Amino acid sequence: MKIERYEFGKIIVDGKTYNKDLILAVDKVYPNWWRKEGHKLQLEDILEVLELEQPEVLIVGTGYFGLLRVMDDVKSYLNNKGIKLIEGKTGDVWKVYNKLAEEKAKVVAAFHLTC
């Protein structure tokens, strides 16, 4: 999977445009990612994907303006599992996903596309 472009409310992955939040693994898209509370990333919002994919790195794109917050339960889980967390505005971190995916790293990225 390769991200070609990101702009507010839109991301293009391998030629396909997504207009809703999504999660990317190295070879899979989890579209229409929904969180229990819109601007809070809680463990229950991402646990299933983390258990399935077992990444070494989790990238969280916190939105165009960076309003999504990673809650402490997520950080504790990642720390206990030895998973590195990279978080930042979506416009700043999507290229990090591309680099790690190209290097064949076990990476999962959760992207908030709007605010």
N, C-alpha and C. Protein backbone atom coordinates (compact mmCIF):
# COMPACT_ATOMS: atom_id res chain seq x y z
N MET A 1 0.84 -1.17 0.00
CA MET A 1 0.00 0.00 0.00
C MET A 1 0.89 1.24 0.00
N LYS A 2 0.49 2.20 -0.80
CA LYS A 2 1.24 3.45 -0.85
C LYS A 2 0.25 4.61 -0.88
N ILE A 3 0.49 5.56 0.00
CA ILE A 3 -0.32 6.78 0.00
C ILE A 3 0.25 7.72 -1.05
N GLU A 4 -0.61 8.15 -1.95
CA GLU A 4 -0.18 9.05 -3.01
C GLU A 4 -0.35 10.52 -2.63
N ARG A 5 -1.42 10.80 -1.88
CA ARG A 5 -1.67 12.20 -1.54
C ARG A 5 -2.66 12.29 -0.38
N TYR A 6 -2.50 13.33 0.40
CA TYR A 6 -3.45 13.64 1.47
C TYR A 6 -3.79 15.12 1.40
N GLU A 7 -5.04 15.43 1.58
CA GLU A 7 -5.50 16.80 1.79
C GLU A 7 -6.70 16.71 2.73
N PHE A 8 -7.12 17.84 3.25
CA PHE A 8 -8.22 17.85 4.21
C PHE A 8 -9.40 17.02 3.70
N GLY A 9 -9.76 15.98 4.45
CA GLY A 9 -10.92 15.16 4.11
C GLY A 9 -10.72 14.13 3.02
N LYS A 10 -9.49 13.97 2.53
CA LYS A 10 -9.28 13.03 1.42
C LYS A 10 -7.86 12.48 1.45
N ILE A 11 -7.78 11.17 1.21
CA ILE A 11 -6.47 10.52 1.09
C ILE A 11 -6.56 9.55 -0.08
N ILE A 12 -5.49 9.47 -0.86
CA ILE A 12 -5.45 8.57 -2.01
C ILE A 12 -4.43 7.48 -1.73
N VAL A 13 -4.90 6.23 -1.75
CA VAL A 13 -4.07 5.07 -1.47
C VAL A 13 -4.13 4.14 -2.67
N ASP A 14 -2.98 3.88 -3.28
CA ASP A 14 -2.92 3.00 -4.45
C ASP A 14 -3.97 3.35 -5.49
N GLY A 15 -4.14 4.65 -5.75
CA GLY A 15 -5.05 5.10 -6.79
C GLY A 15 -6.51 5.21 -6.38
N LYS A 16 -6.84 4.78 -5.17
CA LYS A 16 -8.23 4.83 -4.71
C LYS A 16 -8.38 5.96 -3.70
N THR A 17 -9.44 6.76 -3.87
CA THR A 17 -9.70 7.89 -2.99
C THR A 17 -10.61 7.48 -1.85
N TYR A 18 -10.21 7.88 -0.65
CA TYR A 18 -11.01 7.64 0.56
C TYR A 18 -11.36 8.99 1.16
N ASN A 19 -12.63 9.15 1.54
CA ASN A 19 -13.10 10.40 2.12
C ASN A 19 -13.49 10.26 3.59
N LYS A 20 -13.25 9.10 4.14
CA LYS A 20 -13.54 8.86 5.56
C LYS A 20 -12.29 8.30 6.21
N ASP A 21 -12.20 8.49 7.52
CA ASP A 21 -11.05 8.01 8.27
C ASP A 21 -10.81 6.53 7.97
N LEU A 22 -9.54 6.12 8.03
CA LEU A 22 -9.20 4.75 7.71
C LEU A 22 -7.96 4.31 8.46
N ILE A 23 -7.78 2.99 8.46
CA ILE A 23 -6.58 2.38 9.03
C ILE A 23 -5.90 1.63 7.91
N LEU A 24 -4.58 1.76 7.83
CA LEU A 24 -3.79 1.05 6.83
C LEU A 24 -2.82 0.11 7.52
N ALA A 25 -2.74 -1.11 7.00
CA ALA A 25 -1.66 -2.01 7.35
C ALA A 25 -0.76 -2.03 6.12
N VAL A 26 0.25 -2.87 6.11
CA VAL A 26 1.15 -2.89 4.96
C VAL A 26 0.43 -3.35 3.70
N ASP A 27 -0.52 -4.27 3.84
CA ASP A 27 -1.17 -4.82 2.64
C ASP A 27 -2.69 -4.82 2.74
N LYS A 28 -3.26 -3.99 3.62
CA LYS A 28 -4.71 -3.99 3.78
C LYS A 28 -5.21 -2.62 4.20
N VAL A 29 -6.38 -2.25 3.68
CA VAL A 29 -7.05 -1.02 4.07
C VAL A 29 -8.27 -1.39 4.91
N TYR A 30 -8.40 -0.75 6.05
CA TYR A 30 -9.60 -0.86 6.88
C TYR A 30 -10.34 0.47 6.72
N PRO A 31 -11.29 0.54 5.77
CA PRO A 31 -11.94 1.82 5.48
C PRO A 31 -13.01 2.18 6.52
N ASN A 32 -13.47 3.41 6.44
CA ASN A 32 -14.58 3.89 7.27
C ASN A 32 -14.34 3.66 8.76
N TRP A 33 -13.14 3.98 9.19
CA TRP A 33 -12.77 3.81 10.60
C TRP A 33 -13.59 4.76 11.46
N TRP A 34 -14.24 4.18 12.45
CA TRP A 34 -15.12 4.94 13.32
C TRP A 34 -14.65 4.79 14.75
N ARG A 35 -14.68 5.89 15.49
CA ARG A 35 -14.29 5.86 16.90
C ARG A 35 -15.50 6.15 17.78
N LYS A 36 -15.48 5.56 18.96
CA LYS A 36 -16.58 5.75 19.91
C LYS A 36 -16.80 7.23 20.20
N GLU A 37 -15.70 7.96 20.40
CA GLU A 37 -15.77 9.41 20.58
C GLU A 37 -14.86 10.03 19.53
N GLY A 38 -15.44 10.83 18.65
CA GLY A 38 -14.77 11.32 17.45
C GLY A 38 -13.32 11.77 17.56
N HIS A 39 -13.01 12.59 18.54
CA HIS A 39 -11.65 13.13 18.63
C HIS A 39 -10.82 12.51 19.74
N LYS A 40 -11.22 11.32 20.17
CA LYS A 40 -10.45 10.57 21.16
C LYS A 40 -10.19 9.17 20.61
N LEU A 41 -8.93 8.80 20.53
CA LEU A 41 -8.58 7.44 20.13
C LEU A 41 -8.43 6.62 21.40
N GLN A 42 -9.39 5.72 21.60
CA GLN A 42 -9.38 4.83 22.76
C GLN A 42 -8.99 3.44 22.29
N LEU A 43 -8.52 2.63 23.21
CA LEU A 43 -8.04 1.30 22.86
C LEU A 43 -9.09 0.48 22.12
N GLU A 44 -10.33 0.55 22.55
CA GLU A 44 -11.37 -0.24 21.89
C GLU A 44 -11.56 0.16 20.42
N ASP A 45 -11.14 1.36 20.06
CA ASP A 45 -11.29 1.83 18.67
C ASP A 45 -10.29 1.18 17.72
N ILE A 46 -9.24 0.60 18.25
CA ILE A 46 -8.16 0.11 17.39
C ILE A 46 -7.64 -1.27 17.80
N LEU A 47 -8.09 -1.79 18.92
CA LEU A 47 -7.56 -3.03 19.47
C LEU A 47 -7.66 -4.20 18.49
N GLU A 48 -8.79 -4.37 17.84
CA GLU A 48 -8.97 -5.50 16.93
C GLU A 48 -7.92 -5.50 15.82
N VAL A 49 -7.67 -4.35 15.24
CA VAL A 49 -6.67 -4.26 14.17
C VAL A 49 -5.27 -4.53 14.72
N LEU A 50 -4.97 -3.99 15.89
CA LEU A 50 -3.65 -4.23 16.49
C LEU A 50 -3.43 -5.72 16.76
N GLU A 51 -4.46 -6.40 17.24
CA GLU A 51 -4.33 -7.83 17.51
C GLU A 51 -4.18 -8.64 16.23
N LEU A 52 -4.89 -8.25 15.18
CA LEU A 52 -4.79 -8.95 13.89
C LEU A 52 -3.45 -8.72 13.21
N GLU A 53 -3.01 -7.48 13.18
CA GLU A 53 -1.82 -7.10 12.42
C GLU A 53 -0.52 -7.24 13.20
N GLN A 54 -0.58 -7.15 14.52
CA GLN A 54 0.60 -7.24 15.39
C GLN A 54 1.76 -6.38 14.88
N PRO A 55 1.54 -5.07 14.81
CA PRO A 55 2.59 -4.19 14.27
C PRO A 55 3.72 -3.95 15.26
N GLU A 56 4.82 -3.48 14.72
CA GLU A 56 5.93 -2.98 15.54
C GLU A 56 5.80 -1.48 15.74
N VAL A 57 5.08 -0.84 14.82
CA VAL A 57 4.90 0.62 14.85
C VAL A 57 3.43 0.94 14.59
N LEU A 58 2.88 1.87 15.37
CA LEU A 58 1.56 2.43 15.10
C LEU A 58 1.74 3.92 14.83
N ILE A 59 1.27 4.34 13.66
CA ILE A 59 1.26 5.76 13.31
C ILE A 59 -0.17 6.25 13.48
N VAL A 60 -0.34 7.35 14.16
CA VAL A 60 -1.66 7.96 14.30
C VAL A 60 -1.62 9.35 13.68
N GLY A 61 -2.36 9.51 12.59
CA GLY A 61 -2.53 10.82 11.98
C GLY A 61 -3.68 11.51 12.69
N THR A 62 -3.39 12.57 13.40
CA THR A 62 -4.36 13.20 14.30
C THR A 62 -5.27 14.22 13.62
N GLY A 63 -5.25 14.24 12.29
CA GLY A 63 -6.11 15.15 11.55
C GLY A 63 -5.34 16.33 10.98
N TYR A 64 -6.01 17.08 10.14
CA TYR A 64 -5.40 18.23 9.47
C TYR A 64 -4.91 19.26 10.49
N PHE A 65 -5.72 19.49 11.51
CA PHE A 65 -5.37 20.45 12.56
C PHE A 65 -4.85 19.78 13.83
N GLY A 66 -4.80 18.45 13.83
CA GLY A 66 -4.27 17.72 14.98
C GLY A 66 -5.20 17.61 16.16
N LEU A 67 -6.51 17.53 15.92
CA LEU A 67 -7.47 17.53 17.03
C LEU A 67 -7.70 16.15 17.66
N LEU A 68 -7.37 15.08 16.97
CA LEU A 68 -7.55 13.73 17.54
C LEU A 68 -6.51 13.51 18.63
N ARG A 69 -6.94 13.01 19.77
CA ARG A 69 -6.05 12.75 20.90
C ARG A 69 -5.93 11.26 21.15
N VAL A 70 -4.71 10.80 21.34
CA VAL A 70 -4.46 9.40 21.69
C VAL A 70 -4.57 9.28 23.21
N MET A 71 -5.53 8.48 23.66
CA MET A 71 -5.79 8.35 25.09
C MET A 71 -4.74 7.46 25.77
N ASP A 72 -4.65 7.61 27.07
CA ASP A 72 -3.64 6.89 27.85
C ASP A 72 -3.78 5.38 27.77
N ASP A 73 -5.02 4.86 27.62
CA ASP A 73 -5.17 3.40 27.53
C ASP A 73 -4.48 2.85 26.29
N VAL A 74 -4.49 3.61 25.21
CA VAL A 74 -3.80 3.20 23.99
C VAL A 74 -2.29 3.23 24.22
N LYS A 75 -1.81 4.30 24.80
CA LYS A 75 -0.37 4.44 25.05
C LYS A 75 0.14 3.34 25.99
N SER A 76 -0.62 3.01 27.01
CA SER A 76 -0.23 1.94 27.94
C SER A 76 -0.17 0.59 27.23
N TYR A 77 -1.19 0.30 26.43
CA TYR A 77 -1.22 -0.95 25.68
C TYR A 77 0.00 -1.06 24.76
N LEU A 78 0.26 0.00 24.01
CA LEU A 78 1.39 -0.01 23.08
C LEU A 78 2.70 -0.20 23.83
N ASN A 79 2.86 0.48 24.93
CA ASN A 79 4.07 0.36 25.74
C ASN A 79 4.24 -1.08 26.24
N ASN A 80 3.17 -1.67 26.74
CA ASN A 80 3.22 -3.05 27.25
C ASN A 80 3.54 -4.06 26.17
N LYS A 81 3.12 -3.78 24.94
CA LYS A 81 3.36 -4.69 23.81
C LYS A 81 4.65 -4.38 23.06
N GLY A 82 5.33 -3.31 23.43
CA GLY A 82 6.57 -2.93 22.75
C GLY A 82 6.34 -2.35 21.37
N ILE A 83 5.18 -1.73 21.16
CA ILE A 83 4.83 -1.13 19.88
C ILE A 83 5.17 0.36 19.94
N LYS A 84 5.96 0.82 18.99
CA LYS A 84 6.34 2.24 18.93
C LYS A 84 5.17 3.07 18.42
N LEU A 85 4.91 4.20 19.06
CA LEU A 85 3.86 5.12 18.65
C LEU A 85 4.48 6.35 17.99
N ILE A 86 3.99 6.65 16.79
CA ILE A 86 4.34 7.89 16.10
C ILE A 86 3.02 8.62 15.88
N GLU A 87 2.88 9.79 16.46
CA GLU A 87 1.65 10.55 16.28
C GLU A 87 1.96 11.97 15.84
N GLY A 88 1.08 12.50 15.01
CA GLY A 88 1.23 13.86 14.53
C GLY A 88 0.12 14.19 13.57
N LYS A 89 0.09 15.42 13.13
CA LYS A 89 -0.92 15.83 12.15
C LYS A 89 -0.82 14.91 10.94
N THR A 90 -1.97 14.56 10.38
CA THR A 90 -2.00 13.62 9.26
C THR A 90 -1.11 14.09 8.12
N GLY A 91 -1.11 15.38 7.84
CA GLY A 91 -0.28 15.92 6.77
C GLY A 91 1.21 15.76 7.02
N ASP A 92 1.59 15.57 8.28
CA ASP A 92 3.00 15.43 8.64
C ASP A 92 3.46 13.97 8.71
N VAL A 93 2.54 13.04 8.95
CA VAL A 93 2.99 11.65 9.21
C VAL A 93 2.65 10.64 8.11
N TRP A 94 1.87 11.03 7.10
CA TRP A 94 1.52 10.03 6.09
C TRP A 94 2.74 9.54 5.31
N LYS A 95 3.71 10.39 5.12
CA LYS A 95 4.92 9.97 4.39
C LYS A 95 5.77 9.01 5.23
N VAL A 96 5.66 9.11 6.55
CA VAL A 96 6.36 8.16 7.43
C VAL A 96 5.81 6.75 7.20
N TYR A 97 4.48 6.65 7.04
CA TYR A 97 3.87 5.35 6.72
C TYR A 97 4.48 4.80 5.43
N ASN A 98 4.53 5.62 4.38
CA ASN A 98 5.09 5.16 3.10
C ASN A 98 6.51 4.64 3.27
N LYS A 99 7.32 5.37 3.99
CA LYS A 99 8.72 4.98 4.19
C LYS A 99 8.81 3.64 4.91
N LEU A 100 8.07 3.49 5.99
CA LEU A 100 8.13 2.24 6.76
C LEU A 100 7.54 1.08 5.97
N ALA A 101 6.44 1.31 5.25
CA ALA A 101 5.85 0.24 4.44
C ALA A 101 6.81 -0.19 3.34
N GLU A 102 7.49 0.77 2.74
CA GLU A 102 8.47 0.46 1.70
C GLU A 102 9.62 -0.38 2.26
N GLU A 103 9.98 -0.12 3.51
CA GLU A 103 11.04 -0.88 4.17
C GLU A 103 10.56 -2.22 4.70
N LYS A 104 9.28 -2.54 4.45
CA LYS A 104 8.66 -3.80 4.89
C LYS A 104 8.54 -3.90 6.40
N ALA A 105 8.46 -2.77 7.07
CA ALA A 105 8.25 -2.77 8.51
C ALA A 105 6.82 -3.22 8.81
N LYS A 106 6.62 -3.77 9.98
CA LYS A 106 5.27 -4.15 10.42
C LYS A 106 4.63 -2.90 11.01
N VAL A 107 3.94 -2.16 10.14
CA VAL A 107 3.39 -0.87 10.53
C VAL A 107 1.88 -0.85 10.30
N VAL A 108 1.18 -0.20 11.20
CA VAL A 108 -0.24 0.10 11.05
C VAL A 108 -0.37 1.61 11.22
N ALA A 109 -1.21 2.22 10.39
CA ALA A 109 -1.43 3.66 10.48
C ALA A 109 -2.92 3.94 10.53
N ALA A 110 -3.32 4.75 11.49
CA ALA A 110 -4.71 5.16 11.65
C ALA A 110 -4.79 6.65 11.34
N PHE A 111 -5.56 6.99 10.31
CA PHE A 111 -5.59 8.38 9.85
C PHE A 111 -6.96 9.02 10.03
N HIS A 112 -6.97 10.13 10.79
CA HIS A 112 -8.13 11.01 10.88
C HIS A 112 -7.94 12.02 9.75
N LEU A 113 -8.92 12.14 8.87
CA LEU A 113 -8.73 12.92 7.64
C LEU A 113 -9.18 14.38 7.73
N THR A 114 -10.04 14.69 8.68
CA THR A 114 -10.53 16.06 8.74
C THR A 114 -9.85 16.81 9.89
N CYS A 115 -10.60 17.48 10.71
CA CYS A 115 -10.04 18.39 11.71
C CYS A 115 -9.04 17.74 12.65
